[in-house]
């Protein structure tokens, strides 16, 4: 048997288009439409597996959190970068994410 098995603790390789698809989905666009917009062709089973993948879910969650903040125009790019960094490092089972990031209101 070949020794191609991944060692424990190594990060997974993510496709280059994951971030683009997640960014397209940030305003509520369905996965199938986002894939089409970005020119990615996946079968039904592959798109289902992609949607269930934790790394992809995390990317979509971060983008959906950041979208209203970017659209409001109330934050400088530096503030948005700081908020994005906090959101990306924050775990999925967090309490009030907005309070943690120091954002009192979205709009």
Foldseek 3Di string as FASTA:
>chain_A
DDPPDDDPPDDDDDDPCLLQLLLVPLVPDDSVVSCVVVVHDDDPVVSVVLCPDPVSVLSNVLNNVLVLQVVVPPDDPVLSVQLSVQSSPDDPPDDDSCVVSVHDDSD
